[in-house]
Amino acid sequence: MSLYLPELIHPVHHFAYRTIDFSRQVAVMGIINRTPDSFYDGGATFALDAAVGAALRAVAEGAQWLDIGGVPFAPGPELPWQEEAERVVPVIRAIRESTDAVISADTFQPRVAAAAIEAGADVINDTTGISHPDLARVVADTGVHLVITHSLARPRTVYPRPAYTDVTTEVSRFLQDKVELADGLGVDGAKIIIDPGHDLNKNTLHTLELTRRLDEIAALGYPVLAAVSNKDFIGETLDQPKTERLPGSLAAATICLMNGARILRMHHVAESVSAARLFEAAAGWREPAYLRHNMGDANEPSRVPGR
């Protein structure tokens, strides 16, 4: 597989406190779920102190971006927007005082988005593909970034047996249409990020094909976010529970990077940062931390015991 370097319409993105050049940088997004029933940790960061602590640890491990969510994507009863805001706003406010990292609020509710932005969020991560047009208007009025994600179902509803004639072509068309919708609602194209929605209303075969053909999504010209961490397509492919999916998650993330993704949404931050930095070095964007191996007049002895 060769390295695909997409031609980005707006390679340099200016966030509230950071600037990221997606033509030469990969951003690792740490996941902070303030929900009692989150997909991965089952509520381990539901308490406010636990959520804030997890966010700051992610920054210490190298995350340039923190994604704060108060409602899981999975089907379930609708949460009143006030309750969702009560979950995410205190976390955003607390970590905004301690870090200049990019902060996104994972929400599809316009009023939650507005409250999160007021608290310090500089991105709204909408996993429902602008199911509420007013959300895009909130983004436009405040000048923050918007992540547009492919998903077919109404928010938090079941979408049984999703079917596609050509999943990558259809996801690409959906995202292009939603970018045009966002543009029509006043969102600045220089602040749009797209996400093909790994596993969202897709079966494992769909998601594997999307991963293999992610370059076709990246060719739209907007930075691509790959949310692959510990997902079911990894578990089904490798026959592994969530607790054993880190190697598969890193492999999927690397495939996505090689196909043009520039943002990784990951649970294991330190490991993901190492993978991203090695990719940047292999792409010629980053110098190694140091050069010693085979650089002197004599080779250093092997540091591997027994060799």
Protein backbone atom coordinates (compact mmCIF):
# COMPACT_ATOMS: atom_id res chain seq x y z
CA MET A 1 0.00 0.00 0.00
CA SER A 2 1.50 3.36 -1.03
CA LEU A 3 1.26 6.58 0.93
CA TYR A 4 -1.61 8.84 -0.21
CA LEU A 5 -1.17 12.56 0.38
CA PRO A 6 -4.49 14.28 -0.35
CA GLU A 7 -4.58 17.77 -1.79
CA LEU A 8 -6.42 19.66 0.93
CA ILE A 9 -8.54 22.66 0.05
CA HIS A 10 -7.56 24.27 3.37
CA PRO A 11 -4.50 22.46 4.76
CA VAL A 12 -3.88 24.84 7.70
CA HIS A 13 -6.62 24.99 10.31
CA HIS A 14 -6.72 27.66 12.99
CA PHE A 15 -8.43 26.61 16.21
CA ALA A 16 -8.96 28.80 19.25
CA TYR A 17 -5.51 28.19 20.73
CA ARG A 18 -3.68 26.00 18.22
CA THR A 19 -2.91 25.87 14.52
CA ILE A 20 -2.56 22.49 12.79
CA ASP A 21 -1.18 22.03 9.30
CA PHE A 22 -2.91 18.85 8.14
CA SER A 23 -0.64 18.62 5.11
CA ARG A 24 2.23 17.81 7.51
CA GLN A 25 0.70 16.86 10.85
CA VAL A 26 -1.50 14.19 12.40
CA ALA A 27 -3.69 15.10 15.36
CA VAL A 28 -4.52 12.47 17.97
CA MET A 29 -7.88 13.03 19.63
CA GLY A 30 -8.35 11.61 23.11
CA ILE A 31 -11.85 10.33 23.91
CA ILE A 32 -13.56 11.44 27.12
CA ASN A 33 -17.06 9.98 27.54
CA ARG A 34 -19.02 11.44 30.42
CA THR A 35 -21.74 8.83 30.13
CA PRO A 36 -22.73 5.99 32.47
CA ASP A 37 -23.00 3.58 29.52
CA SER A 38 -20.17 4.50 27.16
CA PHE A 39 -19.17 2.10 24.41
CA TYR A 40 -15.67 1.35 25.65
CA ASP A 41 -15.23 2.00 29.37
CA GLY A 42 -18.79 1.49 30.61
CA GLY A 43 -18.85 4.74 32.57
CA ALA A 44 -15.33 4.89 34.04
CA THR A 45 -15.13 8.64 33.32
CA PHE A 46 -18.73 9.54 34.17
CA ALA A 47 -17.80 11.35 37.40
CA LEU A 48 -16.67 14.93 36.79
CA ASP A 49 -13.29 14.53 38.50
CA ALA A 50 -12.65 11.29 36.59
CA ALA A 51 -13.50 12.95 33.27
CA VAL A 52 -11.29 15.97 33.89
CA GLY A 53 -8.45 13.77 35.13
CA ALA A 54 -8.68 11.53 32.08
CA ALA A 55 -8.61 14.56 29.78
CA LEU A 56 -5.51 16.02 31.39
CA ARG A 57 -3.76 12.64 31.35
CA ALA A 58 -4.50 12.39 27.62
CA VAL A 59 -2.84 15.79 27.08
CA ALA A 60 0.16 14.67 29.12
CA GLU A 61 0.40 11.60 26.87
CA GLY A 62 0.53 13.78 23.77
CA ALA A 63 -3.08 14.30 22.65
CA GLN A 64 -3.49 17.57 20.78
CA TRP A 65 -7.27 17.23 20.81
CA LEU A 66 -9.89 16.18 23.38
CA ASP A 67 -13.37 15.00 22.41
CA ILE A 68 -15.96 15.36 25.18
CA GLY A 69 -19.23 13.45 24.86
CA GLY A 70 -22.29 13.18 27.05
CA VAL A 71 -24.45 10.80 25.02
CA PRO A 72 -23.38 7.56 23.28
CA PHE A 73 -24.05 7.05 19.57
CA ALA A 74 -25.77 3.72 20.28
CA PRO A 75 -29.58 3.56 20.10
CA GLY A 76 -31.38 4.58 23.26
CA PRO A 77 -33.81 7.07 24.79
CA GLU A 78 -33.30 10.72 23.97
CA LEU A 79 -31.51 12.65 26.69
CA PRO A 80 -32.89 16.13 27.42
CA TRP A 81 -30.46 18.70 26.07
CA GLN A 82 -30.15 20.31 29.50
CA GLU A 83 -28.93 17.04 31.02
CA GLU A 84 -26.47 16.47 28.19
CA ALA A 85 -25.13 20.00 28.64
CA GLU A 86 -24.76 19.40 32.39
CA ARG A 87 -22.50 16.47 31.56
CA VAL A 88 -20.18 18.09 29.01
CA VAL A 89 -20.04 21.79 29.91
CA PRO A 90 -18.31 21.44 33.33
CA VAL A 91 -15.67 19.17 31.80
CA ILE A 92 -14.99 21.56 28.93
CA ARG A 93 -14.83 24.54 31.27
CA ALA A 94 -12.42 22.79 33.63
CA ILE A 95 -10.00 21.54 31.01
CA ARG A 96 -10.12 24.80 29.02
CA GLU A 97 -8.55 26.48 32.04
CA SER A 98 -5.67 23.97 32.02
CA THR A 99 -4.79 23.28 28.38
CA ASP A 100 -4.54 24.87 24.98
CA ALA A 101 -5.48 21.58 23.28
CA VAL A 102 -8.26 21.56 20.73
CA ILE A 103 -11.55 20.71 22.48
CA SER A 104 -14.55 19.28 20.68
CA ALA A 105 -18.03 18.56 21.99
CA ASP A 106 -19.50 15.34 20.63
CA THR A 107 -23.13 16.39 20.18
CA PHE A 108 -25.87 16.76 17.60
CA GLN A 109 -28.01 19.09 19.75
CA PRO A 110 -27.81 22.79 18.78
CA ARG A 111 -28.38 24.06 22.34
CA VAL A 112 -25.76 21.71 23.75
CA ALA A 113 -23.36 22.90 21.07
CA ALA A 114 -23.99 26.54 21.97
CA ALA A 115 -23.40 25.86 25.67
CA ALA A 116 -20.24 23.87 24.93
CA ILE A 117 -18.83 26.64 22.74
CA GLU A 118 -19.51 29.21 25.44
CA ALA A 119 -17.62 26.97 27.89
CA GLY A 120 -14.58 26.82 25.62
CA ALA A 121 -15.11 24.20 22.92
CA ASP A 122 -13.67 25.13 19.54
CA VAL A 123 -15.11 22.20 17.55
CA ILE A 124 -18.53 20.54 17.35
CA ASN A 125 -18.24 16.86 16.48
CA ASP A 126 -21.63 15.89 15.02
CA THR A 127 -21.85 12.12 14.47
CA THR A 128 -25.30 12.41 12.87
CA GLY A 129 -24.39 14.28 9.69
CA ILE A 130 -26.14 17.57 10.58
CA SER A 131 -29.42 15.94 11.56
CA HIS A 132 -30.39 19.33 13.06
CA PRO A 133 -29.68 22.18 10.61
CA ASP A 134 -29.72 24.62 13.53
CA LEU A 135 -26.51 23.01 14.76
CA ALA A 136 -24.71 24.17 11.62
CA ARG A 137 -26.13 27.65 12.18
CA VAL A 138 -24.74 27.68 15.72
CA VAL A 139 -21.35 26.68 14.33
CA ALA A 140 -21.54 29.35 11.63
CA ASP A 141 -22.55 32.09 14.07
CA THR A 142 -19.73 31.30 16.50
CA GLY A 143 -17.00 30.58 13.95
CA VAL A 144 -15.91 27.23 15.38
CA HIS A 145 -15.04 24.04 13.52
CA LEU A 146 -17.53 21.34 12.52
CA VAL A 147 -16.93 17.61 12.09
CA ILE A 148 -19.43 16.14 9.63
CA THR A 149 -19.89 12.38 10.01
CA HIS A 150 -21.63 9.85 7.78
CA SER A 151 -24.52 8.05 9.45
CA LEU A 152 -27.91 7.08 8.07
CA ALA A 153 -30.16 6.61 11.11
CA ARG A 154 -32.04 9.27 12.99
CA PRO A 155 -30.09 10.07 16.18
CA ARG A 156 -30.03 7.21 18.69
CA THR A 157 -32.32 4.98 16.64
CA VAL A 158 -31.82 1.47 15.27
CA TYR A 159 -30.87 1.09 11.60
CA PRO A 160 -31.09 -2.66 10.94
CA ARG A 161 -29.15 -4.36 8.17
CA PRO A 162 -27.63 -1.34 6.40
CA ALA A 163 -27.13 -1.97 2.69
CA TYR A 164 -24.97 -0.19 0.13
CA THR A 165 -24.35 -0.77 -3.56
CA ASP A 166 -20.90 0.81 -3.19
CA VAL A 167 -20.29 1.92 0.39
CA THR A 168 -17.32 4.19 -0.27
CA THR A 169 -18.93 5.98 -3.20
CA GLU A 170 -22.15 6.47 -1.25
CA VAL A 171 -20.40 7.70 1.88
CA SER A 172 -18.34 10.11 -0.22
CA ARG A 173 -21.45 11.47 -1.92
CA PHE A 174 -23.22 11.85 1.45
CA LEU A 175 -20.31 13.80 2.91
CA GLN A 176 -20.03 16.06 -0.13
CA ASP A 177 -23.76 16.81 0.08
CA LYS A 178 -23.48 17.60 3.79
CA VAL A 179 -20.48 19.87 3.19
CA GLU A 180 -22.60 21.77 0.68
CA LEU A 181 -25.45 21.93 3.21
CA ALA A 182 -23.09 23.31 5.85
CA ASP A 183 -21.76 25.85 3.38
CA GLY A 184 -25.30 26.95 2.58
CA LEU A 185 -25.94 27.43 6.29
CA GLY A 186 -22.88 29.66 6.63
CA VAL A 187 -20.17 27.29 7.90
CA ASP A 188 -16.70 28.35 6.75
CA GLY A 189 -15.18 25.69 4.48
CA ALA A 190 -11.83 26.26 6.19
CA LYS A 191 -13.40 24.90 9.38
CA ILE A 192 -14.92 21.68 8.08
CA ILE A 193 -13.62 18.20 8.88
CA ILE A 194 -15.18 14.99 7.57
CA ASP A 195 -15.56 11.55 9.12
CA PRO A 196 -16.70 8.47 7.13
CA GLY A 197 -18.19 6.99 10.30
CA HIS A 198 -16.48 3.65 10.78
CA ASP A 199 -19.11 1.16 12.01
CA LEU A 200 -21.86 3.80 12.14
CA ASN A 201 -24.79 2.17 10.32
CA LYS A 202 -22.31 -0.12 8.59
CA ASN A 203 -21.42 -3.77 9.05
CA THR A 204 -17.86 -5.04 9.36
CA LEU A 205 -17.45 -5.67 5.63
CA HIS A 206 -18.60 -2.12 4.87
CA THR A 207 -16.16 -0.65 7.37
CA LEU A 208 -13.23 -2.73 6.16
CA GLU A 209 -13.87 -1.56 2.60
CA LEU A 210 -14.12 2.06 3.75
CA THR A 211 -10.79 1.67 5.53
CA ARG A 212 -9.13 0.20 2.44
CA ARG A 213 -10.56 2.92 0.18
CA LEU A 214 -10.30 5.86 2.57
CA ASP A 215 -8.23 7.72 0.00
CA GLU A 216 -11.47 8.27 -1.95
CA ILE A 217 -12.94 10.07 1.06
CA ALA A 218 -9.74 12.08 1.61
CA ALA A 219 -9.87 13.11 -2.06
CA LEU A 220 -12.83 15.36 -1.21
CA GLY A 221 -10.19 17.78 0.07
CA TYR A 222 -11.16 18.14 3.72
CA PRO A 223 -9.17 16.74 6.68
CA VAL A 224 -10.45 13.25 7.45
CA LEU A 225 -11.09 12.07 10.99
CA ALA A 226 -10.79 8.30 11.51
CA ALA A 227 -12.66 7.03 14.57
CA VAL A 228 -11.53 3.39 14.59
CA SER A 229 -10.54 2.79 18.20
CA ASN A 230 -11.68 -0.57 19.63
CA LYS A 231 -14.67 -0.73 17.33
CA ASP A 232 -16.73 -3.79 16.51
CA PHE A 233 -15.25 -4.22 13.04
CA ILE A 234 -11.92 -4.89 14.73
CA GLY A 235 -13.44 -7.30 17.21
CA GLU A 236 -15.36 -9.21 14.55
CA THR A 237 -12.38 -9.36 12.19
CA LEU A 238 -9.96 -10.61 14.84
CA ASP A 239 -12.43 -12.37 17.18
CA GLN A 240 -11.41 -10.16 20.10
CA PRO A 241 -13.24 -8.48 22.99
CA LYS A 242 -12.87 -4.74 23.46
CA THR A 243 -10.09 -5.17 26.00
CA GLU A 244 -7.84 -6.88 23.42
CA ARG A 245 -8.34 -4.60 20.42
CA LEU A 246 -5.45 -2.15 20.86
CA PRO A 247 -3.12 -3.76 18.25
CA GLY A 248 -5.97 -3.98 15.74
CA SER A 249 -6.94 -0.38 16.48
CA LEU A 250 -3.39 0.82 15.80
CA ALA A 251 -3.26 -1.21 12.58
CA ALA A 252 -6.57 0.26 11.40
CA ALA A 253 -5.42 3.76 12.34
CA THR A 254 -2.18 3.33 10.40
CA ILE A 255 -4.04 2.11 7.30
CA CYS A 256 -6.26 5.17 7.55
CA LEU A 257 -3.23 7.48 7.85
CA MET A 258 -1.63 5.91 4.80
CA ASN A 259 -4.88 6.53 2.94
CA GLY A 260 -5.07 10.21 3.86
CA ALA A 261 -6.65 10.49 7.34
CA ARG A 262 -5.18 13.28 9.45
CA ILE A 263 -7.06 12.99 12.76
CA LEU A 264 -7.24 9.83 14.87
CA ARG A 265 -9.95 9.50 17.53
CA MET A 266 -8.46 7.00 19.97
CA HIS A 267 -8.92 5.60 23.48
CA HIS A 268 -5.24 4.67 24.03
CA VAL A 269 -3.54 8.01 23.58
CA ALA A 270 0.14 7.29 24.26
CA GLU A 271 0.26 4.33 21.88
CA SER A 272 -1.65 6.24 19.21
CA VAL A 273 0.64 9.26 19.48
CA SER A 274 3.66 6.98 18.94
CA ALA A 275 2.02 5.53 15.82
CA ALA A 276 1.16 8.99 14.51
CA ARG A 277 4.66 10.39 15.10
CA LEU A 278 6.29 7.41 13.39
CA PHE A 279 3.97 7.92 10.42
CA GLU A 280 4.94 11.60 10.28
CA ALA A 281 8.63 10.68 10.31
CA ALA A 282 8.18 8.07 7.57
CA ALA A 283 6.29 10.66 5.51
CA GLY A 284 9.27 13.01 5.86
CA TRP A 285 7.41 15.58 7.97
CA ARG A 286 9.23 15.03 11.27
CA GLU A 287 12.85 14.40 12.21
CA PRO A 288 13.66 11.41 14.44
CA ALA A 289 14.13 12.24 18.11
CA TYR A 290 17.81 11.32 17.72
CA LEU A 291 20.14 9.52 15.30
CA ARG A 292 22.61 6.98 16.66
CA HIS A 293 22.14 3.63 14.92
CA ASN A 294 24.85 3.06 12.25
CA MET A 295 25.88 6.72 12.49
CA GLY A 296 29.38 6.26 13.93
CA ASP A 297 32.67 4.80 12.75
CA ALA A 298 31.75 1.56 14.50
CA ASN A 299 28.36 0.03 15.13
CA GLU A 300 27.10 0.03 18.68
CA PRO A 301 26.73 -3.43 20.22
CA SER A 302 23.25 -4.87 20.05
CA ARG A 303 21.03 -3.97 22.97
CA VAL A 304 18.92 -7.08 22.52
CA PRO A 305 19.92 -9.77 25.09
CA GLY A 306 21.39 -12.82 23.43
CA ARG A 307 22.13 -11.12 20.10
